[in-house]
Amino acid sequence: MKDKGNLSSKEQALIEAARRELAARSMTPRAQASEQQAGAATAPARAAPQRPQTSPPAEVIAPPAPDKAAQQAARIAALMAAEREETQRRRQTARRWGIHFPMALFAGALAWFALRQFT
């Protein structure tokens, strides 16, 4: 991944730290143990060789667990149901104010006109 220079030094440091942590997590436990033993045997003045930057293995880039996906799907379904209920309530309110009340007002005015004309 090539950065175009639009990241600050702090952001670049965070990305590098995340890459190092990802690389450390992707190592097998046996490889970690051998690397720790090798690190303990070396002199502190000698730095450990840097691992080349590679893309993480496919196991690390796995989709979320099915139970997490099911929870997210259930949450989205609940949000959609709540939104449908809210929309239905708004429609009923709009009908009440937009159709029913004007019709009642018109019927009242018509009754008042009829009473004035025919009495």
C-alpha atoms as a PDB file:
ATOM      1  CA  MET A   1       0.000   0.000   0.000  1.00  0.00           C
ATOM      2  CA  LYS A   2       1.581   3.227  -1.122  1.00  0.00           C
ATOM      3  CA  ASP A   3       0.936   6.356   0.888  1.00  0.00           C
ATOM      4  CA  LYS A   4       0.798   9.553  -1.130  1.00  0.00           C
ATOM      5  CA  GLY A   5       2.284  11.648   1.633  1.00  0.00           C
ATOM      6  CA  ASN A   6      -1.065  12.830   2.954  1.00  0.00           C
ATOM      7  CA  LEU A   7      -0.579  11.127   6.326  1.00  0.00           C
ATOM      8  CA  SER A   8       1.031  12.836   9.271  1.00  0.00           C
ATOM      9  CA  SER A   9       4.053  11.285  10.931  1.00  0.00           C
ATOM     10  CA  LYS A  10       1.907  10.248  13.883  1.00  0.00           C
ATOM     11  CA  GLU A  11      -0.543   8.461  11.583  1.00  0.00           C
ATOM     12  CA  GLN A  12       2.300   6.731   9.740  1.00  0.00           C
ATOM     13  CA  ALA A  13       3.743   5.571  13.064  1.00  0.00           C
ATOM     14  CA  LEU A  14       0.358   4.168  14.088  1.00  0.00           C
ATOM     15  CA  ILE A  15       0.059   2.302  10.781  1.00  0.00           C
ATOM     16  CA  GLU A  16       3.549   0.834  11.164  1.00  0.00           C
ATOM     17  CA  ALA A  17       2.767  -0.250  14.738  1.00  0.00           C
ATOM     18  CA  ALA A  18      -0.432  -1.915  13.550  1.00  0.00           C
ATOM     19  CA  ARG A  19       1.474  -3.706  10.781  1.00  0.00           C
ATOM     20  CA  ARG A  20       4.055  -4.966  13.272  1.00  0.00           C
ATOM     21  CA  GLU A  21       1.321  -6.177  15.618  1.00  0.00           C
ATOM     22  CA  LEU A  22      -0.468  -7.914  12.739  1.00  0.00           C
ATOM     23  CA  ALA A  23       2.751  -9.597  11.681  1.00  0.00           C
ATOM     24  CA  ALA A  24       3.360 -10.739  15.260  1.00  0.00           C
ATOM     25  CA  ARG A  25      -0.157 -12.154  15.540  1.00  0.00           C
ATOM     26  CA  SER A  26       0.104 -13.967  12.228  1.00  0.00           C
ATOM     27  CA  MET A  27       3.178 -15.924  13.362  1.00  0.00           C
ATOM     28  CA  THR A  28       2.616 -19.452  14.647  1.00  0.00           C
ATOM     29  CA  PRO A  29       3.230 -20.087  18.354  1.00  0.00           C
ATOM     30  CA  ARG A  30       6.226 -22.301  17.520  1.00  0.00           C
ATOM     31  CA  ALA A  31       7.806 -19.540  15.424  1.00  0.00           C
ATOM     32  CA  GLN A  32       7.182 -17.020  18.202  1.00  0.00           C
ATOM     33  CA  ALA A  33       8.841 -19.293  20.769  1.00  0.00           C
ATOM     34  CA  SER A  34      11.890 -19.865  18.562  1.00  0.00           C
ATOM     35  CA  GLU A  35      12.144 -16.121  17.866  1.00  0.00           C
ATOM     36  CA  GLN A  36      11.974 -15.349  21.602  1.00  0.00           C
ATOM     37  CA  GLN A  37      14.681 -17.914  22.322  1.00  0.00           C
ATOM     38  CA  ALA A  38      16.842 -16.490  19.567  1.00  0.00           C
ATOM     39  CA  GLY A  39      16.283 -12.990  20.934  1.00  0.00           C
ATOM     40  CA  ALA A  40      17.298 -14.069  24.438  1.00  0.00           C
ATOM     41  CA  ALA A  41      20.506 -15.713  23.126  1.00  0.00           C
ATOM     42  CA  THR A  42      21.682 -12.697  21.115  1.00  0.00           C
ATOM     43  CA  ALA A  43      23.627  -9.838  22.560  1.00  0.00           C
ATOM     44  CA  PRO A  44      21.642  -6.671  23.254  1.00  0.00           C
ATOM     45  CA  ALA A  45      23.925  -4.593  21.012  1.00  0.00           C
ATOM     46  CA  ARG A  46      22.984  -6.639  17.935  1.00  0.00           C
ATOM     47  CA  ALA A  47      19.596  -5.747  16.492  1.00  0.00           C
ATOM     48  CA  ALA A  48      17.237  -8.445  15.264  1.00  0.00           C
ATOM     49  CA  PRO A  49      16.793  -8.557  11.499  1.00  0.00           C
ATOM     50  CA  GLN A  50      13.724  -6.801  10.197  1.00  0.00           C
ATOM     51  CA  ARG A  51      11.044  -8.974   8.638  1.00  0.00           C
ATOM     52  CA  PRO A  52      10.111  -7.881   5.127  1.00  0.00           C
ATOM     53  CA  GLN A  53       6.716  -6.259   4.839  1.00  0.00           C
ATOM     54  CA  THR A  54       4.318  -8.764   3.333  1.00  0.00           C
ATOM     55  CA  SER A  55       0.594  -8.914   3.081  1.00  0.00           C
ATOM     56  CA  PRO A  56      -1.061 -10.701   6.007  1.00  0.00           C
ATOM     57  CA  PRO A  57      -2.089 -14.329   5.475  1.00  0.00           C
ATOM     58  CA  ALA A  58      -5.645 -15.147   4.481  1.00  0.00           C
ATOM     59  CA  GLU A  59      -6.436 -16.456   7.959  1.00  0.00           C
ATOM     60  CA  VAL A  60      -5.884 -12.985   9.394  1.00  0.00           C
ATOM     61  CA  ILE A  61      -8.170 -11.347   6.821  1.00  0.00           C
ATOM     62  CA  ALA A  62     -11.120 -13.580   7.639  1.00  0.00           C
ATOM     63  CA  PRO A  63     -14.698 -12.349   7.520  1.00  0.00           C
ATOM     64  CA  PRO A  64     -16.371 -11.770  10.874  1.00  0.00           C
ATOM     65  CA  ALA A  65     -17.597 -14.816  12.714  1.00  0.00           C
ATOM     66  CA  PRO A  66     -21.052 -16.040  11.680  1.00  0.00           C
ATOM     67  CA  ASP A  67     -22.523 -15.242  15.078  1.00  0.00           C
ATOM     68  CA  LYS A  68     -21.270 -11.653  14.805  1.00  0.00           C
ATOM     69  CA  ALA A  69     -22.673 -11.390  11.290  1.00  0.00           C
ATOM     70  CA  ALA A  70     -25.984 -12.800  12.516  1.00  0.00           C
ATOM     71  CA  GLN A  71     -26.054 -10.256  15.332  1.00  0.00           C
ATOM     72  CA  GLN A  72     -25.383  -7.433  12.891  1.00  0.00           C
ATOM     73  CA  ALA A  73     -28.100  -8.724  10.545  1.00  0.00           C
ATOM     74  CA  ALA A  74     -30.582  -8.949  13.432  1.00  0.00           C
ATOM     75  CA  ARG A  75     -29.692  -5.414  14.538  1.00  0.00           C
ATOM     76  CA  ILE A  76     -30.176  -4.080  11.021  1.00  0.00           C
ATOM     77  CA  ALA A  77     -33.507  -5.935  10.715  1.00  0.00           C
ATOM     78  CA  ALA A  78     -34.671  -4.420  14.006  1.00  0.00           C
ATOM     79  CA  LEU A  79     -33.648  -0.936  12.845  1.00  0.00           C
ATOM     80  CA  MET A  80     -35.506  -1.434   9.564  1.00  0.00           C
ATOM     81  CA  ALA A  81     -38.640  -2.617  11.403  1.00  0.00           C
ATOM     82  CA  ALA A  82     -38.503   0.407  13.695  1.00  0.00           C
ATOM     83  CA  GLU A  83     -38.112   2.689  10.679  1.00  0.00           C
ATOM     84  CA  ARG A  84     -41.109   1.044   8.970  1.00  0.00           C
ATOM     85  CA  GLU A  85     -43.216   1.604  12.104  1.00  0.00           C
ATOM     86  CA  GLU A  86     -42.111   5.246  12.249  1.00  0.00           C
ATOM     87  CA  THR A  87     -42.960   5.723   8.562  1.00  0.00           C
ATOM     88  CA  GLN A  88     -46.386   4.159   9.064  1.00  0.00           C
ATOM     89  CA  ARG A  89     -47.043   6.448  12.038  1.00  0.00           C
ATOM     90  CA  ARG A  90     -46.008   9.502   9.995  1.00  0.00           C
ATOM     91  CA  ARG A  91     -48.285   8.459   7.135  1.00  0.00           C
ATOM     92  CA  GLN A  92     -51.256   8.090   9.471  1.00  0.00           C
ATOM     93  CA  THR A  93     -50.544  11.495  10.975  1.00  0.00           C
ATOM     94  CA  ALA A  94     -50.265  13.043   7.513  1.00  0.00           C
ATOM     95  CA  ARG A  95     -53.572  11.483   6.470  1.00  0.00           C
ATOM     96  CA  ARG A  96     -55.230  12.758   9.612  1.00  0.00           C
ATOM     97  CA  TRP A  97     -54.052  16.321   9.162  1.00  0.00           C
ATOM     98  CA  GLY A  98     -54.065  16.373   5.365  1.00  0.00           C
ATOM     99  CA  ILE A  99     -57.320  14.569   4.548  1.00  0.00           C
ATOM    100  CA  HIS A 100     -59.532  13.828   7.541  1.00  0.00           C
ATOM    101  CA  PHE A 101     -59.517  17.215   9.244  1.00  0.00           C
ATOM    102  CA  PRO A 102     -60.095  19.241   6.049  1.00  0.00           C
ATOM    103  CA  MET A 103     -62.936  16.882   5.114  1.00  0.00           C
ATOM    104  CA  ALA A 104     -64.493  17.338   8.566  1.00  0.00           C
ATOM    105  CA  LEU A 105     -64.139  21.106   8.225  1.00  0.00           C
ATOM    106  CA  PHE A 106     -65.736  20.971   4.764  1.00  0.00           C
ATOM    107  CA  ALA A 107     -68.613  18.822   6.064  1.00  0.00           C
ATOM    108  CA  GLY A 108     -69.146  21.271   8.926  1.00  0.00           C
ATOM    109  CA  ALA A 109     -69.162  24.238   6.547  1.00  0.00           C
ATOM    110  CA  LEU A 110     -71.578  22.404   4.223  1.00  0.00           C
ATOM    111  CA  ALA A 111     -73.924  21.621   7.131  1.00  0.00           C
ATOM    112  CA  TRP A 112     -73.801  25.252   8.305  1.00  0.00           C
ATOM    113  CA  PHE A 113     -74.546  26.474   4.745  1.00  0.00           C
ATOM    114  CA  ALA A 114     -77.434  24.001   4.390  1.00  0.00           C
ATOM    115  CA  LEU A 115     -78.940  25.079   7.697  1.00  0.00           C
ATOM    116  CA  ARG A 116     -78.714  28.756   6.686  1.00  0.00           C
ATOM    117  CA  GLN A 117     -80.241  28.164   3.262  1.00  0.00           C
ATOM    118  CA  PHE A 118     -83.115  25.933   4.230  1.00  0.00           C
ATOM    119  CA  THR A 119     -84.273  27.517   7.454  1.00  0.00           C
END
